[in-house]
Amino acid sequence: MKMEEKEEITKQEFEVLFNIEFMNITDPKTISSRLEISEKEAENILKKLEQKGLIKIEYRENKACSSQLTSKGSEVYENDKYLNWKLELGY
């Protein structure tokens, strides 16, 4: 029996997913400049999303260098409940 996933994400977390999936912006430095947050804050959001199983982060020299959505992340990204956020971001 499959449990229904009820995990919510914040608008800022969705913005990061949007940038990874739609804009192909996958590194913390570029994400931080797009969202106008610190690079450290961008890294923290990426880590949270990875802990939730929504993205996979690739590391080089112990530093996050790129990321991509997992199948679970794609399901969240495609969920219609986030359509308004997508449209606000220019989807």
PDB file of N, CA and C in Angstrom:
ATOM      1  N   MET A   1       0.845  -1.185   0.000  1.00  0.00           N
ATOM      2  CA  MET A   1       0.000   0.000   0.000  1.00  0.00           C
ATOM      3  C   MET A   1       0.893   1.253   0.000  1.00  0.00           C
ATOM      4  N   LYS A   2       0.699   2.082  -0.970  1.00  0.00           N
ATOM      5  CA  LYS A   2       1.524   3.287  -1.109  1.00  0.00           C
ATOM      6  C   LYS A   2       0.954   4.412  -0.252  1.00  0.00           C
ATOM      7  N   MET A   3       1.830   5.014   0.551  1.00  0.00           N
ATOM      8  CA  MET A   3       1.374   6.133   1.368  1.00  0.00           C
ATOM      9  C   MET A   3       1.317   7.390   0.512  1.00  0.00           C
ATOM     10  N   GLU A   4       0.302   8.160   0.713  1.00  0.00           N
ATOM     11  CA  GLU A   4       0.149   9.415  -0.025  1.00  0.00           C
ATOM     12  C   GLU A   4       1.150  10.430   0.501  1.00  0.00           C
ATOM     13  N   GLU A   5       1.914  11.043  -0.394  1.00  0.00           N
ATOM     14  CA  GLU A   5       2.922  12.036  -0.008  1.00  0.00           C
ATOM     15  C   GLU A   5       2.218  13.363   0.270  1.00  0.00           C
ATOM     16  N   LYS A   6       2.349  13.855   1.477  1.00  0.00           N
ATOM     17  CA  LYS A   6       1.685  15.097   1.858  1.00  0.00           C
ATOM     18  C   LYS A   6       2.685  16.197   2.155  1.00  0.00           C
ATOM     19  N   GLU A   7       3.953  15.934   1.885  1.00  0.00           N
ATOM     20  CA  GLU A   7       4.978  16.911   2.213  1.00  0.00           C
ATOM     21  C   GLU A   7       4.812  18.178   1.385  1.00  0.00           C
ATOM     22  N   GLU A   8       4.766  19.281   2.085  1.00  0.00           N
ATOM     23  CA  GLU A   8       4.629  20.577   1.423  1.00  0.00           C
ATOM     24  C   GLU A   8       6.004  21.192   1.248  1.00  0.00           C
ATOM     25  N   ILE A   9       6.125  22.047   0.251  1.00  0.00           N
ATOM     26  CA  ILE A   9       7.358  22.805   0.094  1.00  0.00           C
ATOM     27  C   ILE A   9       6.998  24.284   0.122  1.00  0.00           C
ATOM     28  N   THR A  10       7.980  25.085   0.459  1.00  0.00           N
ATOM     29  CA  THR A  10       7.758  26.523   0.504  1.00  0.00           C
ATOM     30  C   THR A  10       7.847  27.099  -0.910  1.00  0.00           C
ATOM     31  N   LYS A  11       7.376  28.315  -1.044  1.00  0.00           N
ATOM     32  CA  LYS A  11       7.471  28.981  -2.340  1.00  0.00           C
ATOM     33  C   LYS A  11       8.930  29.127  -2.755  1.00  0.00           C
ATOM     34  N   GLN A  12       9.799  29.454  -1.810  1.00  0.00           N
ATOM     35  CA  GLN A  12      11.222  29.613  -2.120  1.00  0.00           C
ATOM     36  C   GLN A  12      11.827  28.278  -2.573  1.00  0.00           C
ATOM     37  N   GLU A  13      11.441  27.186  -1.902  1.00  0.00           N
ATOM     38  CA  GLU A  13      11.914  25.870  -2.325  1.00  0.00           C
ATOM     39  C   GLU A  13      11.413  25.554  -3.731  1.00  0.00           C
ATOM     40  N   PHE A  14      10.152  25.918  -4.014  1.00  0.00           N
ATOM     41  CA  PHE A  14       9.633  25.695  -5.366  1.00  0.00           C
ATOM     42  C   PHE A  14      10.413  26.522  -6.387  1.00  0.00           C
ATOM     43  N   GLU A  15      10.759  27.753  -6.024  1.00  0.00           N
ATOM     44  CA  GLU A  15      11.550  28.594  -6.940  1.00  0.00           C
ATOM     45  C   GLU A  15      12.871  27.917  -7.294  1.00  0.00           C
ATOM     46  N   VAL A  16      13.481  27.267  -6.321  1.00  0.00           N
ATOM     47  CA  VAL A  16      14.724  26.553  -6.595  1.00  0.00           C
ATOM     48  C   VAL A  16      14.453  25.388  -7.548  1.00  0.00           C
ATOM     49  N   LEU A  17      13.393  24.610  -7.286  1.00  0.00           N
ATOM     50  CA  LEU A  17      13.032  23.525  -8.213  1.00  0.00           C
ATOM     51  C   LEU A  17      12.789  24.067  -9.614  1.00  0.00           C
ATOM     52  N   PHE A  18      12.077  25.183  -9.707  1.00  0.00           N
ATOM     53  CA  PHE A  18      11.781  25.810 -11.000  1.00  0.00           C
ATOM     54  C   PHE A  18      13.076  26.181 -11.723  1.00  0.00           C
ATOM     55  N   ASN A  19      13.998  26.801 -10.991  1.00  0.00           N
ATOM     56  CA  ASN A  19      15.261  27.198 -11.610  1.00  0.00           C
ATOM     57  C   ASN A  19      16.055  25.992 -12.087  1.00  0.00           C
ATOM     58  N   ILE A  20      16.029  24.918 -11.329  1.00  0.00           N
ATOM     59  CA  ILE A  20      16.750  23.708 -11.735  1.00  0.00           C
ATOM     60  C   ILE A  20      16.093  23.089 -12.961  1.00  0.00           C
ATOM     61  N   GLU A  21      14.788  22.901 -12.912  1.00  0.00           N
ATOM     62  CA  GLU A  21      14.084  22.159 -13.954  1.00  0.00           C
ATOM     63  C   GLU A  21      13.815  22.996 -15.200  1.00  0.00           C
ATOM     64  N   PHE A  22      13.296  24.194 -15.037  1.00  0.00           N
ATOM     65  CA  PHE A  22      12.839  24.987 -16.183  1.00  0.00           C
ATOM     66  C   PHE A  22      13.937  25.891 -16.737  1.00  0.00           C
ATOM     67  N   MET A  23      14.723  26.488 -15.856  1.00  0.00           N
ATOM     68  CA  MET A  23      15.752  27.431 -16.290  1.00  0.00           C
ATOM     69  C   MET A  23      17.123  26.761 -16.469  1.00  0.00           C
ATOM     70  N   ASN A  24      17.229  25.503 -16.040  1.00  0.00           N
ATOM     71  CA  ASN A  24      18.487  24.754 -16.093  1.00  0.00           C
ATOM     72  C   ASN A  24      19.613  25.464 -15.328  1.00  0.00           C
ATOM     73  N   ILE A  25      19.248  26.072 -14.217  1.00  0.00           N
ATOM     74  CA  ILE A  25      20.213  26.718 -13.317  1.00  0.00           C
ATOM     75  C   ILE A  25      20.358  25.780 -12.130  1.00  0.00           C
ATOM     76  N   THR A  26      21.526  25.163 -12.013  1.00  0.00           N
ATOM     77  CA  THR A  26      21.664  24.055 -11.074  1.00  0.00           C
ATOM     78  C   THR A  26      22.696  24.258  -9.976  1.00  0.00           C
ATOM     79  N   ASP A  27      23.440  25.374 -10.015  1.00  0.00           N
ATOM     80  CA  ASP A  27      24.485  25.567  -9.011  1.00  0.00           C
ATOM     81  C   ASP A  27      24.066  26.628  -7.988  1.00  0.00           C
ATOM     82  N   PRO A  28      24.544  26.500  -6.751  1.00  0.00           N
ATOM     83  CA  PRO A  28      24.131  27.417  -5.688  1.00  0.00           C
ATOM     84  C   PRO A  28      24.446  28.883  -5.973  1.00  0.00           C
ATOM     85  N   LYS A  29      25.575  29.150  -6.609  1.00  0.00           N
ATOM     86  CA  LYS A  29      25.967  30.543  -6.865  1.00  0.00           C
ATOM     87  C   LYS A  29      24.959  31.236  -7.786  1.00  0.00           C
ATOM     88  N   THR A  30      24.589  30.575  -8.874  1.00  0.00           N
ATOM     89  CA  THR A  30      23.639  31.180  -9.818  1.00  0.00           C
ATOM     90  C   THR A  30      22.235  31.221  -9.225  1.00  0.00           C
ATOM     91  N   ILE A  31      21.866  30.174  -8.504  1.00  0.00           N
ATOM     92  CA  ILE A  31      20.554  30.169  -7.843  1.00  0.00           C
ATOM     93  C   ILE A  31      20.476  31.326  -6.853  1.00  0.00           C
ATOM     94  N   SER A  32      21.555  31.565  -6.106  1.00  0.00           N
ATOM     95  CA  SER A  32      21.533  32.644  -5.112  1.00  0.00           C
ATOM     96  C   SER A  32      21.345  33.998  -5.779  1.00  0.00           C
ATOM     97  N   SER A  33      21.973  34.205  -6.929  1.00  0.00           N
ATOM     98  CA  SER A  33      21.806  35.495  -7.604  1.00  0.00           C
ATOM     99  C   SER A  33      20.409  35.623  -8.211  1.00  0.00           C
ATOM    100  N   ARG A  34      19.832  34.534  -8.703  1.00  0.00           N
ATOM    101  CA  ARG A  34      18.477  34.575  -9.266  1.00  0.00           C
ATOM    102  C   ARG A  34      17.434  34.859  -8.187  1.00  0.00           C
ATOM    103  N   LEU A  35      17.617  34.281  -6.995  1.00  0.00           N
ATOM    104  CA  LEU A  35      16.646  34.438  -5.917  1.00  0.00           C
ATOM    105  C   LEU A  35      16.988  35.590  -4.987  1.00  0.00           C
ATOM    106  N   GLU A  36      18.130  36.243  -5.259  1.00  0.00           N
ATOM    107  CA  GLU A  36      18.596  37.363  -4.436  1.00  0.00           C
ATOM    108  C   GLU A  36      18.729  36.964  -2.968  1.00  0.00           C
ATOM    109  N   ILE A  37      19.413  35.829  -2.758  1.00  0.00           N
ATOM    110  CA  ILE A  37      19.728  35.333  -1.427  1.00  0.00           C
ATOM    111  C   ILE A  37      21.224  35.023  -1.399  1.00  0.00           C
ATOM    112  N   SER A  38      21.753  34.738  -0.212  1.00  0.00           N
ATOM    113  CA  SER A  38      23.172  34.412  -0.124  1.00  0.00           C
ATOM    114  C   SER A  38      23.432  33.022  -0.718  1.00  0.00           C
ATOM    115  N   GLU A  39      24.663  32.812  -1.121  1.00  0.00           N
ATOM    116  CA  GLU A  39      25.031  31.498  -1.662  1.00  0.00           C
ATOM    117  C   GLU A  39      24.855  30.421  -0.594  1.00  0.00           C
ATOM    118  N   LYS A  40      25.170  30.759   0.651  1.00  0.00           N
ATOM    119  CA  LYS A  40      25.006  29.812   1.767  1.00  0.00           C
ATOM    120  C   LYS A  40      23.531  29.441   1.935  1.00  0.00           C
ATOM    121  N   GLU A  41      22.655  30.433   1.828  1.00  0.00           N
ATOM    122  CA  GLU A  41      21.212  30.170   1.932  1.00  0.00           C
ATOM    123  C   GLU A  41      20.750  29.276   0.788  1.00  0.00           C
ATOM    124  N   ALA A  42      21.260  29.517  -0.415  1.00  0.00           N
ATOM    125  CA  ALA A  42      20.917  28.673  -1.564  1.00  0.00           C
ATOM    126  C   ALA A  42      21.372  27.236  -1.318  1.00  0.00           C
ATOM    127  N   GLU A  43      22.580  27.075  -0.786  1.00  0.00           N
ATOM    128  CA  GLU A  43      23.083  25.735  -0.471  1.00  0.00           C
ATOM    129  C   GLU A  43      22.201  25.050   0.570  1.00  0.00           C
ATOM    130  N   ASN A  44      21.754  25.803   1.576  1.00  0.00           N
ATOM    131  CA  ASN A  44      20.886  25.230   2.608  1.00  0.00           C
ATOM    132  C   ASN A  44      19.559  24.761   2.015  1.00  0.00           C
ATOM    133  N   ILE A  45      18.984  25.540   1.111  1.00  0.00           N
ATOM    134  CA  ILE A  45      17.727  25.142   0.468  1.00  0.00           C
ATOM    135  C   ILE A  45      17.952  23.892  -0.380  1.00  0.00           C
ATOM    136  N   LEU A  46      19.053  23.862  -1.123  1.00  0.00           N
ATOM    137  CA  LEU A  46      19.370  22.674  -1.921  1.00  0.00           C
ATOM    138  C   LEU A  46      19.490  21.442  -1.025  1.00  0.00           C
ATOM    139  N   LYS A  47      20.159  21.589   0.106  1.00  0.00           N
ATOM    140  CA  LYS A  47      20.314  20.456   1.028  1.00  0.00           C
ATOM    141  C   LYS A  47      18.968  20.002   1.575  1.00  0.00           C
ATOM    142  N   LYS A  48      18.083  20.954   1.906  1.00  0.00           N
ATOM    143  CA  LYS A  48      16.741  20.602   2.388  1.00  0.00           C
ATOM    144  C   LYS A  48      15.981  19.825   1.326  1.00  0.00           C
ATOM    145  N   LEU A  49      16.067  20.301   0.082  1.00  0.00           N
ATOM    146  CA  LEU A  49      15.372  19.623  -1.014  1.00  0.00           C
ATOM    147  C   LEU A  49      15.938  18.224  -1.236  1.00  0.00           C
ATOM    148  N   GLU A  50      17.249  18.085  -1.059  1.00  0.00           N
ATOM    149  CA  GLU A  50      17.854  16.756  -1.198  1.00  0.00           C
ATOM    150  C   GLU A  50      17.389  15.841  -0.065  1.00  0.00           C
ATOM    151  N   GLN A  51      17.307  16.374   1.155  1.00  0.00           N
ATOM    152  CA  GLN A  51      16.834  15.578   2.297  1.00  0.00           C
ATOM    153  C   GLN A  51      15.388  15.131   2.087  1.00  0.00           C
ATOM    154  N   LYS A  52      14.600  15.948   1.416  1.00  0.00           N
ATOM    155  CA  LYS A  52      13.210  15.594   1.113  1.00  0.00           C
ATOM    156  C   LYS A  52      13.112  14.637  -0.067  1.00  0.00           C
ATOM    157  N   GLY A  53      14.244  14.350  -0.704  1.00  0.00           N
ATOM    158  CA  GLY A  53      14.251  13.421  -1.830  1.00  0.00           C
ATOM    159  C   GLY A  53      13.818  14.036  -3.145  1.00  0.00           C
ATOM    160  N   LEU A  54      13.823  15.389  -3.227  1.00  0.00           N
ATOM    161  CA  LEU A  54      13.318  16.054  -4.430  1.00  0.00           C
ATOM    162  C   LEU A  54      14.409  16.353  -5.455  1.00  0.00           C
ATOM    163  N   ILE A  55      15.660  16.436  -5.000  1.00  0.00           N
ATOM    164  CA  ILE A  55      16.769  16.683  -5.921  1.00  0.00           C
ATOM    165  C   ILE A  55      17.954  15.809  -5.535  1.00  0.00           C
ATOM    166  N   LYS A  56      18.872  15.672  -6.458  1.00  0.00           N
ATOM    167  CA  LYS A  56      20.155  15.022  -6.215  1.00  0.00           C
ATOM    168  C   LYS A  56      21.219  16.070  -6.483  1.00  0.00           C
ATOM    169  N   ILE A  57      22.103  16.279  -5.515  1.00  0.00           N
ATOM    170  CA  ILE A  57      23.175  17.266  -5.643  1.00  0.00           C
ATOM    171  C   ILE A  57      24.463  16.558  -6.025  1.00  0.00           C
ATOM    172  N   GLU A  58      25.162  17.126  -6.988  1.00  0.00           N
ATOM    173  CA  GLU A  58      26.491  16.631  -7.347  1.00  0.00           C
ATOM    174  C   GLU A  58      27.518  17.530  -6.673  1.00  0.00           C
ATOM    175  N   TYR A  59      28.465  16.901  -6.000  1.00  0.00           N
ATOM    176  CA  TYR A  59      29.497  17.639  -5.266  1.00  0.00           C
ATOM    177  C   TYR A  59      30.846  17.486  -5.961  1.00  0.00           C
ATOM    178  N   ARG A  60      31.624  18.543  -5.938  1.00  0.00           N
ATOM    179  CA  ARG A  60      33.035  18.505  -6.350  1.00  0.00           C
ATOM    180  C   ARG A  60      33.823  19.201  -5.263  1.00  0.00           C
ATOM    181  N   GLU A  61      34.863  18.524  -4.777  1.00  0.00           N
ATOM    182  CA  GLU A  61      35.696  19.074  -3.712  1.00  0.00           C
ATOM    183  C   GLU A  61      34.839  19.524  -2.518  1.00  0.00           C
ATOM    184  N   ASN A  62      33.886  18.701  -2.144  1.00  0.00           N
ATOM    185  CA  ASN A  62      32.978  18.935  -1.008  1.00  0.00           C
ATOM    186  C   ASN A  62      32.113  20.180  -1.161  1.00  0.00           C
ATOM    187  N   LYS A  63      31.899  20.632  -2.369  1.00  0.00           N
ATOM    188  CA  LYS A  63      31.066  21.812  -2.621  1.00  0.00           C
ATOM    189  C   LYS A  63      29.994  21.443  -3.654  1.00  0.00           C
ATOM    190  N   ALA A  64      28.766  21.849  -3.379  1.00  0.00           N
ATOM    191  CA  ALA A  64      27.675  21.582  -4.325  1.00  0.00           C
ATOM    192  C   ALA A  64      27.972  22.317  -5.625  1.00  0.00           C
ATOM    193  N   CYS A  65      27.958  21.581  -6.716  1.00  0.00           N
ATOM    194  CA  CYS A  65      28.270  22.231  -7.996  1.00  0.00           C
ATOM    195  C   CYS A  65      27.106  22.157  -8.982  1.00  0.00           C
ATOM    196  N   SER A  66      26.240  21.173  -8.839  1.00  0.00           N
ATOM    197  CA  SER A  66      25.065  21.105  -9.701  1.00  0.00           C
ATOM    198  C   SER A  66      24.013  20.228  -9.034  1.00  0.00           C
ATOM    199  N   SER A  67      22.815  20.277  -9.564  1.00  0.00           N
ATOM    200  CA  SER A  67      21.720  19.495  -8.995  1.00  0.00           C
ATOM    201  C   SER A  67      20.707  19.182 -10.077  1.00  0.00           C
ATOM    202  N   GLN A  68      19.919  18.153  -9.818  1.00  0.00           N
ATOM    203  CA  GLN A  68      18.855  17.801 -10.745  1.00  0.00           C
ATOM    204  C   GLN A  68      17.694  17.217  -9.966  1.00  0.00           C
ATOM    205  N   LEU A  69      16.505  17.312 -10.532  1.00  0.00           N
ATOM    206  CA  LEU A  69      15.321  16.784  -9.878  1.00  0.00           C
ATOM    207  C   LEU A  69      15.336  15.263  -9.916  1.00  0.00           C
ATOM    208  N   THR A  70      14.857  14.654  -8.837  1.00  0.00           N
ATOM    209  CA  THR A  70      14.617  13.217  -8.810  1.00  0.00           C
ATOM    210  C   THR A  70      13.218  12.981  -9.384  1.00  0.00           C
ATOM    211  N   SER A  71      12.820  11.730  -9.497  1.00  0.00           N
ATOM    212  CA  SER A  71      11.460  11.464  -9.984  1.00  0.00           C
ATOM    213  C   SER A  71      10.428  12.047  -9.014  1.00  0.00           C
ATOM    214  N   LYS A  72      10.699  11.974  -7.712  1.00  0.00           N
ATOM    215  CA  LYS A  72       9.805  12.575  -6.715  1.00  0.00           C
ATOM    216  C   LYS A  72       9.766  14.096  -6.890  1.00  0.00           C
ATOM    217  N   GLY A  73      10.927  14.710  -7.157  1.00  0.00           N
ATOM    218  CA  GLY A  73      10.991  16.148  -7.394  1.00  0.00           C
ATOM    219  C   GLY A  73      10.212  16.551  -8.635  1.00  0.00           C
ATOM    220  N   SER A  74      10.281  15.727  -9.667  1.00  0.00           N
ATOM    221  CA  SER A  74       9.519  16.002 -10.893  1.00  0.00           C
ATOM    222  C   SER A  74       8.023  15.940 -10.631  1.00  0.00           C
ATOM    223  N   GLU A  75       7.602  14.979  -9.807  1.00  0.00           N
ATOM    224  CA  GLU A  75       6.174  14.878  -9.454  1.00  0.00           C
ATOM    225  C   GLU A  75       5.714  16.145  -8.738  1.00  0.00           C
ATOM    226  N   VAL A  76       6.527  16.625  -7.804  1.00  0.00           N
ATOM    227  CA  VAL A  76       6.181  17.852  -7.079  1.00  0.00           C
ATOM    228  C   VAL A  76       6.149  19.027  -8.051  1.00  0.00           C
ATOM    229  N   TYR A  77       7.163  19.128  -8.888  1.00  0.00           N
ATOM    230  CA  TYR A  77       7.253  20.233  -9.860  1.00  0.00           C
ATOM    231  C   TYR A  77       6.038  20.246 -10.794  1.00  0.00           C
ATOM    232  N   GLU A  78       5.567  19.074 -11.185  1.00  0.00           N
ATOM    233  CA  GLU A  78       4.438  18.972 -12.117  1.00  0.00           C
ATOM    234  C   GLU A  78       3.075  19.043 -11.424  1.00  0.00           C
ATOM    235  N   ASN A  79       3.060  19.048 -10.099  1.00  0.00           N
ATOM    236  CA  ASN A  79       1.800  19.060  -9.363  1.00  0.00           C
ATOM    237  C   ASN A  79       1.042  20.366  -9.648  1.00  0.00           C
ATOM    238  N   ASP A  80      -0.215  20.222 -10.033  1.00  0.00           N
ATOM    239  CA  ASP A  80      -1.032  21.382 -10.389  1.00  0.00           C
ATOM    240  C   ASP A  80      -1.217  22.381  -9.253  1.00  0.00           C
ATOM    241  N   LYS A  81      -1.039  21.928  -8.005  1.00  0.00           N
ATOM    242  CA  LYS A  81      -1.223  22.869  -6.899  1.00  0.00           C
ATOM    243  C   LYS A  81      -0.153  23.957  -6.899  1.00  0.00           C
ATOM    244  N   TYR A  82       0.934  23.751  -7.643  1.00  0.00           N
ATOM    245  CA  TYR A  82       1.989  24.762  -7.736  1.00  0.00           C
ATOM    246  C   TYR A  82       1.939  25.547  -9.053  1.00  0.00           C
ATOM    247  N   LEU A  83       0.868  25.366  -9.823  1.00  0.00           N
ATOM    248  CA  LEU A  83       0.775  26.013 -11.130  1.00  0.00           C
ATOM    249  C   LEU A  83       0.843  27.539 -11.032  1.00  0.00           C
ATOM    250  N   ASN A  84       0.173  28.126 -10.055  1.00  0.00           N
ATOM    251  CA  ASN A  84       0.218  29.588  -9.922  1.00  0.00           C
ATOM    252  C   ASN A  84       1.632  30.091  -9.681  1.00  0.00           C
ATOM    253  N   TRP A  85       2.394  29.363  -8.865  1.00  0.00           N
ATOM    254  CA  TRP A  85       3.790  29.760  -8.626  1.00  0.00           C
ATOM    255  C   TRP A  85       4.587  29.676  -9.918  1.00  0.00           C
ATOM    256  N   LYS A  86       4.342  28.608 -10.701  1.00  0.00           N
ATOM    257  CA  LYS A  86       5.041  28.465 -11.990  1.00  0.00           C
ATOM    258  C   LYS A  86       4.742  29.654 -12.887  1.00  0.00           C
ATOM    259  N   LEU A  87       3.472  30.007 -12.957  1.00  0.00           N
ATOM    260  CA  LEU A  87       3.065  31.116 -13.826  1.00  0.00           C
ATOM    261  C   LEU A  87       3.681  32.431 -13.362  1.00  0.00           C
ATOM    262  N   GLU A  88       3.739  32.650 -12.039  1.00  0.00           N
ATOM    263  CA  GLU A  88       4.376  33.860 -11.507  1.00  0.00           C
ATOM    264  C   GLU A  88       5.850  33.935 -11.895  1.00  0.00           C
ATOM    265  N   LEU A  89       6.487  32.771 -12.029  1.00  0.00           N
ATOM    266  CA  LEU A  89       7.906  32.718 -12.337  1.00  0.00           C
ATOM    267  C   LEU A  89       8.192  32.775 -13.837  1.00  0.00           C
ATOM    268  N   GLY A  90       7.137  32.820 -14.642  1.00  0.00           N
ATOM    269  CA  GLY A  90       7.325  32.976 -16.078  1.00  0.00           C
ATOM    270  C   GLY A  90       7.278  31.687 -16.867  1.00  0.00           C
ATOM    271  N   TYR A  91       6.620  30.668 -16.332  1.00  0.00           N
ATOM    272  CA  TYR A  91       6.495  29.374 -17.008  1.00  0.00           C
ATOM    273  C   TYR A  91       5.773  29.524 -18.318  1.00  0.00           C
TER     274      TYR A  91
END
